[in-house]
Structures are given as C-alpha cells and as structure tokens.
C-alpha cells in the first residue's frame, strides 16, 4: 500500500537559498564542529591510561652487587683523568605514581660528587649513586 504524498514543494523547490543579512556565513570547520563527538568526561581517558600504566618497584642491590658497584666506582675514580665511559642500569622514579622504570645510562664520567652521591657525566647529566643497580666501566 502506497502512502499518498500530501505536501507538494513545487512552489519553493527552485527558489534561491536564503542568506542572512545579519549573520555572516559559518565556515566549513565551524559547521563540522557542530557534528563532532562530545567528550562529557574530559581527561577521563587519560586518567584511565595513567592508572593502567605499569611501573617497576626498586629492587635493593644484593651484597654481591654492592661489592661490584664499589669496585667499579674505585676503577672509575682511578681513571677520572681520562674521562672513563660507563654504562649503568639505574632506577628512575616515576613522577606521577609509585614505582618507576629501569633505564640504561651511558656516558663519560667527569666527576664523582661524594657529597651529593652522584656521578656527573660529560653531557651535563647526573646519575644518583643510590639508584644504580649495575655499573660497568667501558674501556
């Protein structure tokens, strides 16, 4: 069964499109923004991602690891005059949540700061000695 069309738009079908005299036409990007998705909870997705991000706990070095670290620090101190190159595995605490990540740092040591307990590298960075879990002098 067909429905009979009750409206006939022939009288307005071919008229020119109306243009407002008070308001300028909307740009295409503004028109598109009207149909963009609405984020009711701004930042909620980022908060969920941050919560889901995993961090590692700091593992205190064993006595054997501490002895090896001391040996390596003595060797580095003996060779400071030639800016020895090192590779260290360090724990970097996370700024937003408990835990952190283990990172490998490589560079030339220019100074051992015994007061701040840091290895100062030639590139200007510093490595906190209490966060080092593995240290190797590269010759």
N, C-alpha and C. Protein backbone atom coordinates (compact mmCIF):
# COMPACT_ATOMS: atom_id res chain seq x y z
N UNK A 1 0.84 -1.17 0.00
CA UNK A 1 0.00 0.00 0.00
C UNK A 1 0.89 1.24 0.00
N UNK A 2 0.65 2.14 -0.92
CA UNK A 2 1.44 3.36 -1.02
C UNK A 2 0.74 4.48 -0.30
N UNK A 3 1.58 5.29 0.35
CA UNK A 3 1.02 6.48 1.01
C UNK A 3 0.99 7.61 0.00
N UNK A 4 -0.05 8.33 0.02
CA UNK A 4 -0.19 9.46 -0.89
C UNK A 4 0.60 10.64 -0.32
N UNK A 5 1.39 11.25 -1.17
CA UNK A 5 2.17 12.40 -0.75
C UNK A 5 1.25 13.61 -0.62
N UNK A 6 1.22 14.16 0.60
CA UNK A 6 0.28 15.25 0.85
C UNK A 6 0.91 16.62 0.65
N UNK A 7 2.25 16.70 0.68
CA UNK A 7 2.90 18.01 0.52
C UNK A 7 3.52 18.11 -0.86
N UNK A 8 3.29 19.19 -1.47
CA UNK A 8 3.88 19.44 -2.77
C UNK A 8 4.77 20.67 -2.62
N UNK A 9 6.06 20.47 -2.84
CA UNK A 9 7.02 21.55 -2.64
C UNK A 9 7.42 22.22 -3.95
N UNK A 10 6.66 22.04 -4.97
CA UNK A 10 7.00 22.64 -6.26
C UNK A 10 7.08 24.16 -6.20
N UNK A 11 6.33 24.76 -5.32
CA UNK A 11 6.32 26.23 -5.25
C UNK A 11 7.62 26.79 -4.64
N UNK A 12 8.35 26.02 -3.83
CA UNK A 12 9.58 26.54 -3.21
C UNK A 12 10.84 25.78 -3.64
N UNK A 13 10.67 24.73 -4.40
CA UNK A 13 11.78 23.85 -4.76
C UNK A 13 12.88 24.57 -5.53
N UNK A 14 12.56 25.50 -6.37
CA UNK A 14 13.56 26.16 -7.22
C UNK A 14 13.87 27.58 -6.79
N UNK A 15 13.50 27.97 -5.59
CA UNK A 15 13.84 29.30 -5.07
C UNK A 15 15.31 29.33 -4.67
N UNK A 16 15.95 30.49 -4.69
CA UNK A 16 17.35 30.58 -4.25
C UNK A 16 17.46 30.32 -2.74
N UNK A 17 18.64 29.81 -2.34
CA UNK A 17 18.88 29.52 -0.93
C UNK A 17 18.87 30.83 -0.13
N UNK A 18 18.15 30.86 1.01
CA UNK A 18 18.11 32.10 1.78
C UNK A 18 19.46 32.40 2.44
N UNK A 19 19.85 33.67 2.44
CA UNK A 19 21.10 34.11 3.05
C UNK A 19 20.78 35.20 4.05
N UNK A 20 21.28 35.06 5.27
CA UNK A 20 21.00 36.03 6.33
C UNK A 20 21.74 37.34 6.05
N UNK A 21 21.06 38.45 6.35
CA UNK A 21 21.69 39.75 6.22
C UNK A 21 22.37 40.17 7.52
N UNK A 22 22.01 39.52 8.65
CA UNK A 22 22.56 39.87 9.96
C UNK A 22 23.79 39.03 10.33
N UNK A 23 23.80 37.77 9.92
CA UNK A 23 24.87 36.86 10.34
C UNK A 23 25.71 36.43 9.15
N UNK A 24 27.05 36.48 9.30
CA UNK A 24 27.90 36.02 8.20
C UNK A 24 27.80 34.49 8.07
N UNK A 25 28.09 33.96 6.90
CA UNK A 25 28.02 32.51 6.74
C UNK A 25 29.07 31.80 7.62
N UNK A 26 28.70 30.64 8.14
CA UNK A 26 29.57 29.87 9.02
C UNK A 26 30.64 29.16 8.19
N UNK A 27 31.87 29.13 8.71
CA UNK A 27 32.95 28.45 7.99
C UNK A 27 32.69 26.94 8.00
N UNK A 28 33.32 26.23 7.07
CA UNK A 28 33.13 24.78 6.98
C UNK A 28 33.64 24.08 8.24
N UNK A 29 34.76 24.55 8.81
CA UNK A 29 35.29 23.90 10.02
C UNK A 29 34.35 24.11 11.21
N UNK A 30 33.72 25.29 11.30
CA UNK A 30 32.76 25.53 12.38
C UNK A 30 31.52 24.67 12.20
N UNK A 31 31.10 24.52 10.95
CA UNK A 31 29.93 23.66 10.69
C UNK A 31 30.25 22.22 11.06
N UNK A 32 31.45 21.78 10.74
CA UNK A 32 31.84 20.40 11.04
C UNK A 32 31.93 20.19 12.54
N UNK A 33 32.35 21.22 13.28
CA UNK A 33 32.48 21.10 14.73
C UNK A 33 31.13 20.84 15.40
N UNK A 34 30.06 21.27 14.79
CA UNK A 34 28.74 21.03 15.36
C UNK A 34 28.43 19.54 15.43
N UNK A 35 29.06 18.76 14.54
CA UNK A 35 28.75 17.35 14.47
C UNK A 35 29.85 16.46 15.05
N UNK A 36 30.86 17.09 15.65
CA UNK A 36 31.94 16.29 16.24
C UNK A 36 31.46 15.63 17.53
N UNK A 37 32.11 14.52 17.93
CA UNK A 37 31.68 13.84 19.15
C UNK A 37 31.92 14.71 20.38
N UNK A 38 31.08 14.55 21.35
CA UNK A 38 31.15 15.33 22.58
C UNK A 38 31.82 14.49 23.65
N UNK A 39 32.87 15.01 24.29
CA UNK A 39 33.57 14.31 25.36
C UNK A 39 33.05 14.85 26.68
N UNK A 40 32.11 14.14 27.26
CA UNK A 40 31.49 14.60 28.51
C UNK A 40 32.47 14.58 29.67
N UNK A 41 33.38 13.62 29.66
CA UNK A 41 34.35 13.49 30.75
C UNK A 41 35.74 13.81 30.21
N UNK A 42 36.04 15.08 30.08
CA UNK A 42 37.33 15.49 29.56
C UNK A 42 38.44 15.00 30.48
N UNK A 43 39.44 14.33 29.88
CA UNK A 43 40.57 13.83 30.66
C UNK A 43 40.35 12.45 31.25
N UNK A 44 39.14 11.93 31.14
CA UNK A 44 38.86 10.62 31.73
C UNK A 44 39.69 9.52 31.06
N UNK A 45 39.80 9.57 29.75
CA UNK A 45 40.59 8.57 29.02
C UNK A 45 42.05 8.61 29.43
N UNK A 46 42.59 9.82 29.59
CA UNK A 46 43.99 9.96 30.01
C UNK A 46 44.18 9.43 31.43
N UNK A 47 43.21 9.66 32.30
CA UNK A 47 43.31 9.16 33.67
C UNK A 47 43.29 7.63 33.70
N UNK A 48 42.48 7.04 32.85
CA UNK A 48 42.43 5.58 32.78
C UNK A 48 43.75 5.03 32.25
N UNK A 49 44.31 5.67 31.23
CA UNK A 49 45.59 5.24 30.68
C UNK A 49 46.69 5.34 31.74
N UNK A 50 46.69 6.43 32.51
CA UNK A 50 47.70 6.63 33.55
C UNK A 50 47.59 5.55 34.62
N UNK A 51 46.38 5.20 35.01
CA UNK A 51 46.17 4.16 36.02
C UNK A 51 46.64 2.81 35.50
N UNK A 52 46.43 2.55 34.23
CA UNK A 52 46.80 1.27 33.65
C UNK A 52 48.30 1.15 33.38
N UNK A 53 49.01 2.28 33.35
CA UNK A 53 50.44 2.24 33.06
C UNK A 53 51.18 1.55 34.20
N UNK A 54 52.01 0.59 33.84
CA UNK A 54 52.72 -0.19 34.85
C UNK A 54 54.06 0.46 35.20
N UNK A 55 54.45 0.33 36.45
CA UNK A 55 55.75 0.78 36.91
C UNK A 55 56.43 -0.36 37.63
N UNK A 56 57.75 -0.26 37.75
CA UNK A 56 58.53 -1.27 38.47
C UNK A 56 58.82 -0.76 39.87
N UNK A 57 59.05 -1.70 40.79
CA UNK A 57 59.49 -1.36 42.13
C UNK A 57 61.01 -1.37 42.16
N UNK A 58 61.58 -0.56 43.04
CA UNK A 58 63.03 -0.53 43.18
C UNK A 58 63.48 -1.78 43.92
N UNK A 59 64.42 -2.50 43.33
CA UNK A 59 64.98 -3.70 43.95
C UNK A 59 66.33 -3.33 44.55
N UNK A 60 66.43 -3.42 45.84
CA UNK A 60 67.68 -3.12 46.54
C UNK A 60 68.77 -4.08 46.06
N UNK A 61 69.97 -3.56 45.69
CA UNK A 61 71.04 -4.44 45.22
C UNK A 61 71.48 -5.42 46.32
N UNK A 62 71.86 -6.61 45.89
CA UNK A 62 72.36 -7.61 46.84
C UNK A 62 73.75 -7.20 47.32
N UNK A 63 74.28 -7.92 48.30
CA UNK A 63 75.63 -7.63 48.82
C UNK A 63 76.67 -7.82 47.73
N UNK A 64 76.51 -8.84 46.89
CA UNK A 64 77.45 -9.06 45.79
C UNK A 64 77.39 -7.91 44.78
N UNK A 65 76.18 -7.45 44.49
CA UNK A 65 76.03 -6.32 43.56
C UNK A 65 76.66 -5.06 44.14
N UNK A 66 76.47 -4.85 45.45
CA UNK A 66 77.06 -3.67 46.10
C UNK A 66 78.58 -3.73 46.05
N UNK A 67 79.16 -4.92 46.25
CA UNK A 67 80.61 -5.07 46.19
C UNK A 67 81.11 -4.78 44.78
N UNK A 68 80.39 -5.26 43.77
CA UNK A 68 80.76 -4.99 42.38
C UNK A 68 80.66 -3.49 42.08
N UNK A 69 79.60 -2.84 42.57
CA UNK A 69 79.44 -1.40 42.37
C UNK A 69 80.61 -0.63 42.99
N UNK A 70 81.02 -1.02 44.20
CA UNK A 70 82.15 -0.36 44.86
C UNK A 70 83.43 -0.52 44.06
N UNK A 71 83.66 -1.74 43.54
CA UNK A 71 84.86 -1.98 42.72
C UNK A 71 84.85 -1.09 41.48
N UNK A 72 83.70 -1.02 40.82
CA UNK A 72 83.59 -0.21 39.60
C UNK A 72 83.79 1.27 39.90
N UNK A 73 83.23 1.74 41.03
CA UNK A 73 83.41 3.15 41.41
C UNK A 73 84.87 3.47 41.69
N UNK A 74 85.60 2.53 42.31
CA UNK A 74 87.03 2.74 42.56
C UNK A 74 87.80 2.81 41.25
N UNK A 75 87.47 1.92 40.31
CA UNK A 75 88.12 1.95 38.99
C UNK A 75 87.83 3.27 38.27
N UNK A 76 86.59 3.71 38.34
CA UNK A 76 86.21 4.97 37.69
C UNK A 76 87.00 6.13 38.30
N UNK A 77 87.09 6.14 39.63
CA UNK A 77 87.81 7.21 40.32
C UNK A 77 89.29 7.22 39.92
N UNK A 78 89.87 6.03 39.76
CA UNK A 78 91.28 5.92 39.36
C UNK A 78 91.51 6.42 37.93
N UNK A 79 90.49 6.33 37.09
CA UNK A 79 90.63 6.71 35.68
C UNK A 79 89.90 8.01 35.34
N UNK A 80 89.56 8.82 36.33
CA UNK A 80 88.85 10.07 36.06
C UNK A 80 89.61 11.01 35.13
N UNK A 81 90.94 10.96 35.16
CA UNK A 81 91.75 11.86 34.33
C UNK A 81 91.49 11.64 32.84
N UNK A 82 91.04 10.45 32.45
CA UNK A 82 90.80 10.19 31.02
C UNK A 82 89.31 10.12 30.68
N UNK A 83 88.46 10.66 31.56
CA UNK A 83 87.01 10.69 31.35
C UNK A 83 86.47 9.31 30.95
N UNK A 84 86.48 8.36 31.88
CA UNK A 84 86.07 6.99 31.55
C UNK A 84 84.61 6.89 31.15
N UNK A 85 84.35 6.00 30.19
CA UNK A 85 82.97 5.79 29.74
C UNK A 85 82.37 4.66 30.57
N UNK A 86 81.11 4.88 30.97
CA UNK A 86 80.41 3.89 31.79
C UNK A 86 79.07 3.53 31.14
N UNK A 87 78.56 2.41 31.59
CA UNK A 87 77.19 2.03 31.29
C UNK A 87 76.57 1.62 32.62
N UNK A 88 75.46 2.25 32.98
CA UNK A 88 74.84 2.00 34.26
C UNK A 88 73.35 1.70 34.07
N UNK A 89 72.86 0.75 34.85
CA UNK A 89 71.42 0.49 34.90
C UNK A 89 70.93 1.18 36.16
N UNK A 90 70.04 2.14 35.99
CA UNK A 90 69.57 2.97 37.10
C UNK A 90 68.06 2.89 37.22
N UNK A 91 67.59 3.11 38.42
CA UNK A 91 66.15 3.18 38.67
C UNK A 91 65.74 4.64 38.64
N UNK A 92 64.79 4.97 37.77
CA UNK A 92 64.26 6.34 37.69
C UNK A 92 62.86 6.35 38.27
N UNK A 93 62.65 7.04 39.40
CA UNK A 93 61.30 7.08 39.98
C UNK A 93 60.31 7.78 39.05
N UNK A 94 59.08 7.32 39.11
CA UNK A 94 58.01 7.90 38.30
C UNK A 94 57.52 9.16 39.00
N UNK A 95 57.30 10.21 38.25
CA UNK A 95 56.84 11.48 38.83
C UNK A 95 55.36 11.51 39.18
N UNK A 96 54.58 10.55 38.67
CA UNK A 96 53.14 10.61 38.86
C UNK A 96 52.60 9.52 39.77
N UNK A 97 53.33 8.43 39.94
CA UNK A 97 52.82 7.34 40.77
C UNK A 97 53.97 6.59 41.41
N UNK A 98 53.65 5.68 42.31
CA UNK A 98 54.67 4.89 42.99
C UNK A 98 55.40 4.03 41.98
N UNK A 99 56.67 3.76 42.26
CA UNK A 99 57.47 2.93 41.38
C UNK A 99 58.25 3.77 40.40
N UNK A 100 58.67 3.14 39.33
CA UNK A 100 59.46 3.83 38.33
C UNK A 100 59.85 2.86 37.24
N UNK A 101 60.98 3.15 36.60
CA UNK A 101 61.45 2.31 35.50
C UNK A 101 62.97 2.21 35.56
N UNK A 102 63.48 1.11 35.07
CA UNK A 102 64.92 0.93 34.97
C UNK A 102 65.37 1.42 33.60
N UNK A 103 66.41 2.26 33.61
CA UNK A 103 66.93 2.83 32.37
C UNK A 103 68.43 2.56 32.30
N UNK A 104 68.93 2.48 31.08
CA UNK A 104 70.36 2.31 30.86
C UNK A 104 70.94 3.68 30.52
N UNK A 105 71.96 4.07 31.27
CA UNK A 105 72.62 5.35 31.05
C UNK A 105 74.05 5.06 30.60
N UNK A 106 74.44 5.75 29.55
CA UNK A 106 75.80 5.56 29.03
C UNK A 106 76.41 6.93 28.84
N UNK A 107 77.64 7.10 29.28
CA UNK A 107 78.31 8.39 29.11
C UNK A 107 79.68 8.39 29.74
N UNK A 108 80.35 9.53 29.62
CA UNK A 108 81.69 9.69 30.18
C UNK A 108 81.58 10.43 31.52
N UNK A 109 82.26 9.89 32.52
CA UNK A 109 82.24 10.48 33.85
C UNK A 109 83.31 11.56 33.94
N UNK A 110 82.89 12.77 34.34
CA UNK A 110 83.87 13.84 34.52
C UNK A 110 84.18 14.07 36.00
N UNK A 111 83.25 13.65 36.88
CA UNK A 111 83.48 13.89 38.31
C UNK A 111 82.60 12.94 39.14
N UNK A 112 83.11 12.56 40.30
CA UNK A 112 82.31 11.83 41.28
C UNK A 112 82.04 12.79 42.42
N UNK A 113 80.79 13.16 42.59
CA UNK A 113 80.39 14.08 43.66
C UNK A 113 80.03 13.24 44.89
N UNK A 114 80.96 13.16 45.83
CA UNK A 114 80.76 12.31 47.01
C UNK A 114 79.78 12.93 48.00
N UNK A 115 79.60 14.24 47.94
CA UNK A 115 78.66 14.90 48.86
C UNK A 115 77.21 14.70 48.42
N UNK A 116 77.00 14.81 47.12
CA UNK A 116 75.65 14.62 46.58
C UNK A 116 75.40 13.17 46.17
N UNK A 117 76.44 12.33 46.26
CA UNK A 117 76.37 10.91 45.88
C UNK A 117 75.90 10.77 44.43
N UNK A 118 76.63 11.45 43.54
CA UNK A 118 76.27 11.43 42.12
C UNK A 118 77.50 11.23 41.26
N UNK A 119 77.26 10.63 40.10
CA UNK A 119 78.27 10.60 39.05
C UNK A 119 77.88 11.70 38.07
N UNK A 120 78.76 12.66 37.87
CA UNK A 120 78.48 13.75 36.93
C UNK A 120 79.08 13.39 35.59
N UNK A 121 78.25 13.40 34.57
CA UNK A 121 78.68 12.99 33.24
C UNK A 121 79.06 14.19 32.39
N UNK A 122 79.83 13.91 31.37
CA UNK A 122 80.34 14.96 30.49
C UNK A 122 79.21 15.72 29.78
N UNK A 123 78.09 15.05 29.52
CA UNK A 123 76.97 15.70 28.82
C UNK A 123 76.13 16.59 29.74
N UNK A 124 76.53 16.71 31.03
CA UNK A 124 75.82 17.57 31.97
C UNK A 124 74.81 16.84 32.83
N UNK A 125 74.53 15.59 32.54
CA UNK A 125 73.58 14.84 33.36
C UNK A 125 74.26 14.28 34.60
N UNK A 126 73.46 13.87 35.56
CA UNK A 126 73.97 13.31 36.81
C UNK A 126 73.23 12.00 37.09
N UNK A 127 73.95 11.05 37.65
CA UNK A 127 73.38 9.75 37.99
C UNK A 127 73.51 9.59 39.50
N UNK A 128 72.38 9.45 40.17
CA UNK A 128 72.38 9.26 41.63
C UNK A 128 72.93 7.87 41.95
N UNK A 129 73.96 7.80 42.78
CA UNK A 129 74.61 6.52 43.07
C UNK A 129 73.68 5.54 43.77
N UNK A 130 72.76 6.03 44.60
CA UNK A 130 71.88 5.11 45.32
C UNK A 130 70.83 4.46 44.42
N UNK A 131 70.70 4.97 43.20
CA UNK A 131 69.74 4.39 42.25
C UNK A 131 70.38 3.44 41.25
N UNK A 132 71.70 3.33 41.30
CA UNK A 132 72.42 2.44 40.37
C UNK A 132 72.33 1.01 40.89
N UNK A 133 71.92 0.10 40.02
CA UNK A 133 71.91 -1.30 40.43
C UNK A 133 72.98 -2.11 39.69
N UNK A 134 73.46 -1.56 38.57
CA UNK A 134 74.54 -2.21 37.82
C UNK A 134 75.40 -1.13 37.18
N UNK A 135 76.71 -1.32 37.27
CA UNK A 135 77.64 -0.31 36.77
C UNK A 135 78.82 -1.01 36.12
N UNK A 136 79.16 -0.61 34.91
CA UNK A 136 80.29 -1.20 34.21
C UNK A 136 81.14 -0.10 33.59
N UNK A 137 82.44 -0.22 33.78
CA UNK A 137 83.39 0.69 33.17
C UNK A 137 83.71 0.14 31.79
N UNK A 138 83.55 0.95 30.77
CA UNK A 138 83.81 0.54 29.39
C UNK A 138 85.18 1.03 29.00
N UNK A 139 86.09 0.13 28.72
CA UNK A 139 87.46 0.52 28.36
C UNK A 139 87.71 0.30 26.90
